[in-house]
Protein backbone atom coordinates (compact mmCIF):
# COMPACT_ATOMS: atom_id res chain seq x y z
CA UNK A 1 -11.85 -15.92 17.35
CA UNK A 2 -8.80 -16.82 15.25
CA UNK A 3 -5.63 -14.95 16.18
CA UNK A 4 -4.20 -12.85 13.30
CA UNK A 5 -1.06 -14.07 11.57
CA UNK A 6 2.17 -12.25 12.41
CA UNK A 7 5.85 -12.64 11.53
CA UNK A 8 8.42 -13.53 14.19
CA UNK A 9 12.05 -14.33 13.42
CA UNK A 10 11.32 -15.89 10.05
CA UNK A 11 8.18 -17.79 11.07
CA UNK A 12 4.53 -17.00 10.32
CA UNK A 13 2.50 -17.63 13.46
CA UNK A 14 -0.78 -16.69 15.10
CA UNK A 15 -0.10 -13.55 17.13
CA UNK A 16 -1.10 -15.16 20.42
CA UNK A 17 1.45 -17.96 19.95
CA UNK A 18 4.48 -15.66 19.72
CA UNK A 19 6.74 -15.67 22.77
CA UNK A 20 9.62 -13.27 23.53
CA UNK A 21 12.55 -14.11 25.79
CA UNK A 22 12.65 -12.06 29.02
CA UNK A 23 16.34 -11.45 28.24
CA UNK A 24 15.57 -9.82 24.89
CA UNK A 25 17.26 -6.42 24.95
CA UNK A 26 14.08 -4.85 23.63
CA UNK A 27 12.25 -6.12 26.71
CA UNK A 28 15.05 -5.32 29.19
CA UNK A 29 16.43 -2.03 27.79
CA UNK A 30 14.04 -0.84 25.07
CA UNK A 31 17.01 -1.51 22.78
CA UNK A 32 15.40 -1.51 19.36
CA UNK A 33 13.68 0.45 16.61
CA UNK A 34 10.34 0.29 14.82
CA UNK A 35 8.18 1.55 11.96
CA UNK A 36 4.45 1.89 11.34
CA UNK A 37 3.29 1.84 7.72
CA UNK A 38 -0.26 2.75 6.65
CA UNK A 39 -1.83 0.52 4.01
CA UNK A 40 -4.70 1.61 1.79
CA UNK A 41 -6.51 -1.14 -0.08
CA UNK A 42 -3.47 -3.41 0.08
CA UNK A 43 -1.02 -0.67 -0.97
CA UNK A 44 1.55 0.33 1.68
CA UNK A 45 2.10 4.10 1.62
CA UNK A 46 5.76 4.88 0.88
CA UNK A 47 7.03 1.53 2.15
CA UNK A 48 10.49 2.13 0.72
CA UNK A 49 10.84 5.44 2.57
CA UNK A 50 9.71 3.82 5.82
CA UNK A 51 12.32 1.08 5.52
CA UNK A 52 15.01 3.56 4.57
CA UNK A 53 14.20 5.39 7.79
CA UNK A 54 14.36 2.07 9.65
CA UNK A 55 17.89 1.66 8.28
CA UNK A 56 18.84 5.13 9.52
CA UNK A 57 17.48 4.29 12.98
CA UNK A 58 19.45 1.02 13.00
CA UNK A 59 22.60 2.87 12.00
CA UNK A 60 22.12 5.44 14.79
CA UNK A 61 22.02 2.76 17.51
CA UNK A 62 24.56 0.47 15.83
CA UNK A 63 22.04 -2.30 15.30
CA UNK A 64 22.57 -4.67 12.40
CA UNK A 65 19.54 -4.47 10.13
CA UNK A 66 18.60 -8.09 9.38
CA UNK A 67 17.00 -7.27 6.00
CA UNK A 68 17.50 -5.05 2.99
CA UNK A 69 14.78 -2.59 2.01
CA UNK A 70 13.57 -4.92 -0.74
CA UNK A 71 13.48 -7.87 1.67
CA UNK A 72 11.44 -5.82 4.15
CA UNK A 73 8.99 -4.86 1.41
CA UNK A 74 8.62 -8.51 0.39
CA UNK A 75 7.89 -9.49 4.01
CA UNK A 76 5.33 -6.68 4.24
CA UNK A 77 3.51 -7.84 1.13
CA UNK A 78 3.56 -11.43 2.41
CA UNK A 79 2.07 -10.29 5.73
CA UNK A 80 -0.65 -8.36 3.94
CA UNK A 81 -1.83 -11.53 2.19
CA UNK A 82 -3.45 -12.38 5.54
CA UNK A 83 -4.63 -8.83 6.23
CA UNK A 84 -6.72 -7.33 3.40
CA UNK A 85 -8.04 -3.79 3.26
CA UNK A 86 -6.77 -0.71 5.07
CA UNK A 87 -4.13 -1.72 7.62
CA UNK A 88 -1.29 -0.52 9.83
CA UNK A 89 1.83 -2.64 9.51
CA UNK A 90 3.99 -2.56 12.64
CA UNK A 91 7.67 -3.51 12.28
CA UNK A 92 9.80 -4.04 15.41
CA UNK A 93 13.50 -4.91 15.51
CA UNK A 94 15.49 -5.38 18.73
CA UNK A 95 19.14 -6.13 19.26
CA UNK A 96 18.31 -9.70 20.23
CA UNK A 97 18.73 -12.08 23.16
CA UNK A 98 22.06 -12.13 25.05
CA UNK A 99 23.05 -14.66 27.70
CA UNK A 100 22.92 -12.11 30.52
CA UNK A 101 21.63 -8.63 31.34
CA UNK A 102 24.39 -6.09 30.69
CA UNK A 103 24.28 -2.50 29.48
CA UNK A 104 27.27 -3.10 27.20
CA UNK A 105 26.19 -3.85 23.63
CA UNK A 106 26.99 -7.49 22.84
CA UNK A 107 28.62 -8.41 19.54
CA UNK A 108 27.22 -10.89 17.03
CA UNK A 109 23.68 -11.05 18.45
CA UNK A 110 20.94 -12.12 16.07
CA UNK A 111 18.31 -9.33 15.98
CA UNK A 112 14.74 -10.14 16.99
CA UNK A 113 12.25 -9.32 14.22
CA UNK A 114 8.52 -8.95 14.78
CA UNK A 115 5.86 -7.77 12.32
CA UNK A 116 2.12 -7.55 12.75
CA UNK A 117 -0.79 -5.87 10.99
CA UNK A 118 -4.05 -4.49 12.34
CA UNK A 119 -6.92 -2.40 10.93
CA UNK A 120 -5.95 1.18 10.15
CA UNK A 121 -7.66 3.69 12.44
CA UNK A 122 -8.01 6.63 10.08
CA UNK A 123 -9.33 9.98 11.35
CA UNK A 124 -13.10 10.10 11.75
CA UNK A 125 -15.26 12.41 9.66
CA UNK A 126 -16.05 14.31 12.87
CA UNK A 127 -12.33 14.90 13.51
CA UNK A 128 -11.69 16.03 9.95
CA UNK A 129 -14.68 18.37 9.85
CA UNK A 130 -14.48 19.71 13.39
CA UNK A 131 -10.80 19.46 14.27
CA UNK A 132 -9.32 18.15 17.51
CA UNK A 133 -8.19 19.49 20.88
CA UNK A 134 -4.55 19.49 22.00
CA UNK A 135 -2.60 20.50 25.08
CA UNK A 136 0.95 21.81 25.32
CA UNK A 137 3.75 20.51 27.49
CA UNK A 138 7.48 20.65 28.06
CA UNK A 139 9.52 18.37 25.82
CA UNK A 140 11.43 16.57 28.56
CA UNK A 141 12.67 13.70 26.37
CA UNK A 142 16.24 12.97 25.29
CA UNK A 143 17.91 14.73 22.35
CA UNK A 144 17.92 11.86 19.85
CA UNK A 145 14.29 11.94 18.87
CA UNK A 146 15.21 11.48 15.20
CA UNK A 147 15.68 7.78 16.06
CA UNK A 148 12.41 5.84 15.87
CA UNK A 149 13.21 4.00 19.06
CA UNK A 150 10.95 1.52 20.85
CA UNK A 151 11.95 3.38 24.06
CA UNK A 152 8.81 5.53 24.08
CA UNK A 153 8.21 6.25 27.77
CA UNK A 154 8.59 10.01 27.30
CA UNK A 155 6.05 9.96 24.46
CA UNK A 156 3.73 7.76 26.51
CA UNK A 157 3.75 10.21 29.44
CA UNK A 158 3.17 13.16 27.09
CA UNK A 159 0.28 11.37 25.40
CA UNK A 160 -1.22 10.44 28.76
CA UNK A 161 -1.22 14.10 29.77
CA UNK A 162 -3.37 14.90 26.75
CA UNK A 163 -5.77 12.05 27.51
CA UNK A 164 -6.25 13.29 31.05
CA UNK A 165 -6.99 16.76 29.66
CA UNK A 166 -9.58 15.38 27.23
CA UNK A 167 -7.35 16.08 24.21
CA UNK A 168 -5.89 13.94 21.42
CA UNK A 169 -2.26 15.10 21.57
CA UNK A 170 0.32 17.00 23.59
CA UNK A 171 2.22 19.52 21.47
CA UNK A 172 5.72 19.77 22.95
CA UNK A 173 7.93 22.81 23.44
CA UNK A 174 11.65 22.86 24.25
CA UNK A 175 13.44 26.04 25.31
CA UNK A 176 10.60 28.15 23.95
CA UNK A 177 10.35 26.46 20.54
CA UNK A 178 8.08 23.86 18.95
CA UNK A 179 9.43 20.34 18.53
CA UNK A 180 6.60 17.88 17.81
CA UNK A 181 3.64 16.17 19.47
CA UNK A 182 3.73 12.92 21.42
CA UNK A 183 2.97 10.83 18.32
CA UNK A 184 2.74 13.39 15.50
CA UNK A 185 4.57 16.12 13.69
CA UNK A 186 3.12 19.63 13.98
CA UNK A 187 2.58 22.37 11.40
CA UNK A 188 1.65 25.97 12.24
CA UNK A 189 -0.04 28.41 9.85
CA UNK A 190 0.35 32.17 10.19
CA UNK A 191 -0.60 34.79 7.61
CA UNK A 192 -0.94 32.21 4.84
CA UNK A 193 2.45 30.59 5.47
CA UNK A 194 2.89 27.04 6.81
CA UNK A 195 5.67 26.73 9.40
CA UNK A 196 7.39 23.47 10.35
CA UNK A 197 10.05 22.63 12.90
CA UNK A 198 13.56 21.92 11.55
CA UNK A 199 14.47 18.45 10.37
CA UNK A 200 16.95 17.89 13.19
CA UNK A 201 17.60 15.53 16.09
CA UNK A 202 14.80 16.99 18.23
CA UNK A 203 11.98 15.55 16.13
CA UNK A 204 11.19 12.29 14.43
CA UNK A 205 11.10 13.24 10.78
CA UNK A 206 7.79 11.75 9.71
CA UNK A 207 7.23 10.19 6.32
CA UNK A 208 3.92 12.11 6.34
CA UNK A 209 5.80 15.33 7.25
CA UNK A 210 7.87 14.88 4.11
CA UNK A 211 4.80 14.06 2.04
CA UNK A 212 2.98 17.18 3.24
CA UNK A 213 6.04 19.29 2.41
CA UNK A 214 6.00 17.83 -1.10
CA UNK A 215 2.25 18.37 -1.48
CA UNK A 216 2.64 21.96 -0.27
CA UNK A 217 5.28 22.60 -2.92
CA UNK A 218 3.20 20.97 -5.66
CA UNK A 219 0.08 22.80 -4.48
CA UNK A 220 1.78 26.22 -4.35
CA UNK A 221 1.41 26.44 -0.57
CA UNK A 222 4.24 28.42 1.01
CA UNK A 223 6.17 26.33 3.56
CA UNK A 224 8.97 27.54 5.83
CA UNK A 225 11.06 24.99 7.72
CA UNK A 226 12.66 26.86 10.63
CA UNK A 227 12.53 27.19 14.43
CA UNK A 228 8.94 27.99 15.42
CA UNK A 229 8.62 30.01 18.61
CA UNK A 230 6.06 29.21 21.28
CA UNK A 231 4.39 32.58 20.67
CA UNK A 232 3.86 31.61 17.02
CA UNK A 233 2.22 28.37 18.10
CA UNK A 234 -0.11 30.10 20.55
CA UNK A 235 -0.92 32.88 18.06
CA UNK A 236 -1.38 30.59 15.07
CA UNK A 237 -4.18 30.96 12.54
CA UNK A 238 -4.14 27.18 12.09
CA UNK A 239 -2.31 24.21 13.62
CA UNK A 240 -2.09 20.77 12.02
CA UNK A 241 -1.03 17.35 13.24
CA UNK A 242 0.45 14.81 10.83
CA UNK A 243 1.38 11.15 11.13
CA UNK A 244 0.99 7.87 9.28
CA UNK A 245 -2.32 7.18 11.00
CA UNK A 246 -3.64 10.74 11.54
CA UNK A 247 -2.78 11.77 7.94
CA UNK A 248 -3.34 15.52 8.47
CA UNK A 249 -5.68 16.85 11.16
CA UNK A 250 -6.59 20.38 12.20
CA UNK A 251 -6.11 21.43 15.82
CA UNK A 252 -9.00 23.73 16.72
CA UNK A 253 -8.46 24.00 20.48
CA UNK A 254 -5.11 24.42 22.26
CA UNK A 255 -4.99 24.37 26.06
CA UNK A 256 -8.71 25.05 26.10
CA UNK A 257 -8.50 28.12 23.82
CA UNK A 258 -9.62 28.27 20.18
CA UNK A 259 -6.99 28.17 17.45
CA UNK A 260 -7.73 30.88 14.89
CA UNK A 261 -11.48 30.86 14.34
CA UNK A 262 -11.92 27.64 16.32
CA UNK A 263 -12.56 25.49 13.26
CA UNK A 264 -10.42 23.90 10.52
CA UNK A 265 -8.97 26.66 8.38
CA UNK A 266 -8.78 27.13 4.60
CA UNK A 267 -5.17 25.95 4.24
CA UNK A 268 -5.98 22.79 6.19
CA UNK A 269 -8.92 22.12 3.88
CA UNK A 270 -6.65 22.57 0.90
CA UNK A 271 -3.92 20.32 2.28
CA UNK A 272 -6.41 17.66 3.35
CA UNK A 273 -7.86 17.61 -0.17
CA UNK A 274 -4.36 17.33 -1.68
CA UNK A 275 -3.58 14.42 0.64
CA UNK A 276 -6.79 12.55 -0.17
CA UNK A 277 -6.24 13.09 -3.88
CA UNK A 278 -2.70 11.76 -3.56
CA UNK A 279 -3.97 8.64 -1.78
CA UNK A 280 -6.67 8.01 -4.38
CA UNK A 281 -4.17 8.09 -7.24
CA UNK A 282 -1.52 5.97 -5.58
CA UNK A 283 -1.54 2.46 -7.00
CA UNK A 284 -0.14 -0.60 -5.25
CA UNK A 285 3.08 -0.61 -7.25
CA UNK A 286 3.66 3.13 -6.84
CA UNK A 287 2.94 3.05 -3.10
CA UNK A 288 5.55 0.36 -2.49
CA UNK A 289 8.16 1.90 -4.78
CA UNK A 290 7.74 5.54 -3.69
């Protein structure tokens, strides 16, 4: 089977031919940032917003971004020439390869750039119609979760806890309040109002989070962005997950107990329909430029 084409430091190579130095600071320290962009029929969803967030992540860790937003978009479209259909584009930038292992950030390193694409794993019809199970757990990660860092061990451990419980996500709580899930943002519905955690340093502000907020406004769905207490999560009428790959999914079981009526609720159905309609109307040019 032919290895898919990927981008590595300016070259287009089969994925299995790419080699990374063991001294790369991404390998040694997890010193880098990343993005994942969903692609529908060759159209990347909000590529510009994803690369603007990549720039913010670079700025937060003082990493020189090797490309402008427009250059990143051009590379993405070039990559997609070899990957038709619905895809996930993964973009990975590390600080580069120093001459020795040292915690101190070196100056004038050339960043390592890696991009690949693989088939998009959209939610199944069963998940959309029946909802998914989640667990809860303590958010034990650091306090700079607004950075989309490749240092994901905390998220990996949280996600593993959900797998071992037979669930799809761990919804995390810090000091009695909702933050996010291991690889998703979380929305809570109570009495017809959608609640979302603040856009602060304790969550990764998802591009899909922002899109759902916009769709809620356009669809006359009341949204409150504020601290969401654990009791509100556990007493919710509905809970949703959102991410670039999950889109929007209803949580129907939390820690083994039903959420609301134990099936996707009416506001989820409405938001899911708004999201699918948005996708269907988004042309290739609009998706890239958005």
